C-alpha atoms as a PDB file:
ATOM      1  CA  MET A   1     -10.347   1.480  33.202  1.00  0.00           C
ATOM      2  CA  THR A   2      -9.117   1.614  29.796  1.00  0.00           C
ATOM      3  CA  GLN A   3     -11.470   0.970  26.931  1.00  0.00           C
ATOM      4  CA  ALA A   4     -10.508  -1.638  24.229  1.00  0.00           C
ATOM      5  CA  ALA A   5      -9.842   0.091  20.722  1.00  0.00           C
ATOM      6  CA  PRO A   6     -12.866  -0.191  18.265  1.00  0.00           C
ATOM      7  CA  ALA A   7     -12.621  -3.684  16.295  1.00  0.00           C
ATOM      8  CA  GLY A   8     -12.108  -3.250  12.781  1.00  0.00           C
ATOM      9  CA  PRO A   9      -9.560  -1.700  10.409  1.00  0.00           C
ATOM     10  CA  TRP A  10      -8.036   1.488  11.070  1.00  0.00           C
ATOM     11  CA  ARG A  11      -7.165   4.199   8.100  1.00  0.00           C
ATOM     12  CA  THR A  12      -5.125   7.286   8.316  1.00  0.00           C
ATOM     13  CA  CYS A  13      -6.511  10.769   7.366  1.00  0.00           C
ATOM     14  CA  ARG A  14      -4.755  12.179   3.996  1.00  0.00           C
ATOM     15  CA  ALA A  15      -5.304  15.303   5.181  1.00  0.00           C
ATOM     16  CA  CYS A  16      -4.452  15.637   8.997  1.00  0.00           C
ATOM     17  CA  GLY A  17      -2.491  12.201   9.674  1.00  0.00           C
ATOM     18  CA  GLN A  18      -4.633  11.092  12.374  1.00  0.00           C
ATOM     19  CA  LYS A  19      -5.261   7.468  12.551  1.00  0.00           C
ATOM     20  CA  LYS A  20      -8.874   6.505  13.317  1.00  0.00           C
ATOM     21  CA  PRO A  21     -11.072   3.387  12.887  1.00  0.00           C
ATOM     22  CA  GLN A  22     -12.366   3.159   8.964  1.00  0.00           C
ATOM     23  CA  ALA A  23     -15.725   3.977  10.175  1.00  0.00           C
ATOM     24  CA  GLU A  24     -15.019   7.357  11.257  1.00  0.00           C
ATOM     25  CA  LEU A  25     -13.703   8.454   8.249  1.00  0.00           C
ATOM     26  CA  LEU A  26     -14.822   9.343   4.993  1.00  0.00           C
ATOM     27  CA  ARG A  27     -13.654   7.347   1.724  1.00  0.00           C
ATOM     28  CA  LEU A  28     -12.796   9.169  -1.496  1.00  0.00           C
ATOM     29  CA  ALA A  29     -12.437   7.253  -4.818  1.00  0.00           C
ATOM     30  CA  LEU A  30     -11.690   8.148  -8.259  1.00  0.00           C
ATOM     31  CA  ALA A  31     -14.933   7.569 -10.594  1.00  0.00           C
ATOM     32  CA  GLY A  32     -14.908   8.784 -14.136  1.00  0.00           C
ATOM     33  CA  GLY A  33     -11.777  10.845 -13.553  1.00  0.00           C
ATOM     34  CA  LEU A  34     -13.436  12.626 -10.550  1.00  0.00           C
ATOM     35  CA  VAL A  35     -12.408  12.474  -6.960  1.00  0.00           C
ATOM     36  CA  VAL A  36     -15.938  11.798  -5.296  1.00  0.00           C
ATOM     37  CA  PRO A  37     -16.942  10.799  -1.720  1.00  0.00           C
ATOM     38  CA  ASP A  38     -17.796   7.130  -1.319  1.00  0.00           C
ATOM     39  CA  PRO A  39     -19.293   6.963   1.840  1.00  0.00           C
ATOM     40  CA  GLY A  40     -20.789   3.509   1.576  1.00  0.00           C
ATOM     41  CA  ARG A  41     -17.365   2.500   0.802  1.00  0.00           C
ATOM     42  CA  ARG A  42     -18.777   0.840  -2.386  1.00  0.00           C
ATOM     43  CA  LEU A  43     -16.941   2.246  -5.476  1.00  0.00           C
ATOM     44  CA  PRO A  44     -13.981   0.174  -7.075  1.00  0.00           C
ATOM     45  CA  GLY A  45     -10.440   0.875  -6.684  1.00  0.00           C
ATOM     46  CA  ARG A  46      -7.974   2.486  -4.578  1.00  0.00           C
ATOM     47  CA  GLY A  47      -9.477   4.960  -1.926  1.00  0.00           C
ATOM     48  CA  ALA A  48      -8.170   7.557   0.559  1.00  0.00           C
ATOM     49  CA  TYR A  49      -9.573   8.620   3.370  1.00  0.00           C
ATOM     50  CA  ILE A  50     -10.225  11.831   5.423  1.00  0.00           C
ATOM     51  CA  CYS A  51     -11.651  12.804   8.699  1.00  0.00           C
ATOM     52  CA  ARG A  52     -15.410  13.636   8.580  1.00  0.00           C
ATOM     53  CA  GLN A  53     -14.753  17.585   9.006  1.00  0.00           C
ATOM     54  CA  ARG A  54     -14.646  20.386   6.600  1.00  0.00           C
ATOM     55  CA  ARG A  55     -10.926  21.419   7.905  1.00  0.00           C
ATOM     56  CA  CYS A  56      -9.238  18.295   6.696  1.00  0.00           C
ATOM     57  CA  ALA A  57     -11.377  18.157   3.193  1.00  0.00           C
ATOM     58  CA  ARG A  58      -9.929  22.265   2.720  1.00  0.00           C
ATOM     59  CA  ARG A  59      -6.343  21.060   4.020  1.00  0.00           C
ATOM     60  CA  LEU A  60      -6.417  18.407   1.567  1.00  0.00           C
ATOM     61  CA  LEU A  61      -7.512  20.553  -1.434  1.00  0.00           C
ATOM     62  CA  ALA A  62      -4.763  23.049  -0.260  1.00  0.00           C
ATOM     63  CA  GLY A  63      -1.811  20.944   0.027  1.00  0.00           C
ATOM     64  CA  ARG A  64       0.159  19.045  -2.639  1.00  0.00           C
ATOM     65  CA  ALA A  65      -0.507  15.677  -1.606  1.00  0.00           C
ATOM     66  CA  LYS A  66      -3.831  15.882  -3.525  1.00  0.00           C
ATOM     67  CA  LYS A  67      -1.840  15.225  -6.788  1.00  0.00           C
ATOM     68  CA  ARG A  68      -0.626  11.473  -6.105  1.00  0.00           C
ATOM     69  CA  ILE A  69      -3.406  10.777  -3.175  1.00  0.00           C
ATOM     70  CA  PHE A  70      -4.526   7.756  -5.560  1.00  0.00           C
ATOM     71  CA  ARG A  71      -0.983   6.973  -6.395  1.00  0.00           C
ATOM     72  CA  VAL A  72      -1.675   8.417  -9.857  1.00  0.00           C
ATOM     73  CA  THR A  73      -1.244  11.990 -10.923  1.00  0.00           C
ATOM     74  CA  LEU A  74      -4.409  13.887 -10.905  1.00  0.00           C
ATOM     75  CA  GLY A  75      -4.833  17.231 -12.389  1.00  0.00           C
ATOM     76  CA  GLU A  76      -6.954  20.049 -10.858  1.00  0.00           C
ATOM     77  CA  GLU A  77      -9.901  19.115 -13.015  1.00  0.00           C
ATOM     78  CA  ALA A  78     -10.258  15.704 -10.705  1.00  0.00           C
ATOM     79  CA  TRP A  79     -10.967  17.757  -8.037  1.00  0.00           C
ATOM     80  CA  ALA A  80     -13.543  20.214  -9.673  1.00  0.00           C
ATOM     81  CA  GLY A  81     -16.719  20.385  -7.406  1.00  0.00           C
ATOM     82  CA  PHE A  82     -15.327  18.618  -4.626  1.00  0.00           C
ATOM     83  CA  ASP A  83     -15.677  20.663  -1.977  1.00  0.00           C
ATOM     84  CA  THR A  84     -19.316  21.509  -3.153  1.00  0.00           C
ATOM     85  CA  ARG A  85     -20.871  18.242  -2.914  1.00  0.00           C
ATOM     86  CA  PRO A  86     -23.232  17.508  -0.357  1.00  0.00           C
ATOM     87  CA  GLU A  87     -21.014  14.716   1.345  1.00  0.00           C
ATOM     88  CA  ILE A  88     -18.519  17.487   2.005  1.00  0.00           C
ATOM     89  CA  SER A  89     -20.256  20.654   2.334  1.00  0.00           C
ATOM     90  CA  SER A  90     -22.245  19.380   5.040  1.00  0.00           C
ATOM     91  CA  LEU A  91     -19.357  17.936   6.831  1.00  0.00           C
ATOM     92  CA  PRO A  92     -19.324  19.893  10.474  1.00  0.00           C
ATOM     93  CA  ALA A  93     -16.565  22.303  11.098  1.00  0.00           C
ATOM     94  CA  GLN A  94     -15.171  20.675  13.957  1.00  0.00           C
ATOM     95  CA  ALA A  95     -15.532  17.044  15.197  1.00  0.00           C
ATOM     96  CA  ALA A  96     -17.885  16.557  18.241  1.00  0.00           C
ATOM     97  CA  THR A  97     -16.492  15.923  21.629  1.00  0.00           C
ATOM     98  CA  SER A  98     -18.194  13.355  23.534  1.00  0.00           C
END
């Protein structure tokens, strides 16, 4: 017996490229020129999604995609403190297996 796909929108992790239901990913947004986690998905503007795993946050920070993730050119200062924010630093190292 196959399971039905979860209802709701699907998004792509900007770090690893996996497609998942929106609720399983962490939204990032620009606020005051800084990239901030938006777990409630309430901040205005374009958002980007990453898996709720530290490895995806690290992969995003290490890659070139972070410069144009919001379709604007971002400097390193936009990412200042990103990996030390509680929403990021508390992410599990790997996804829980069911």
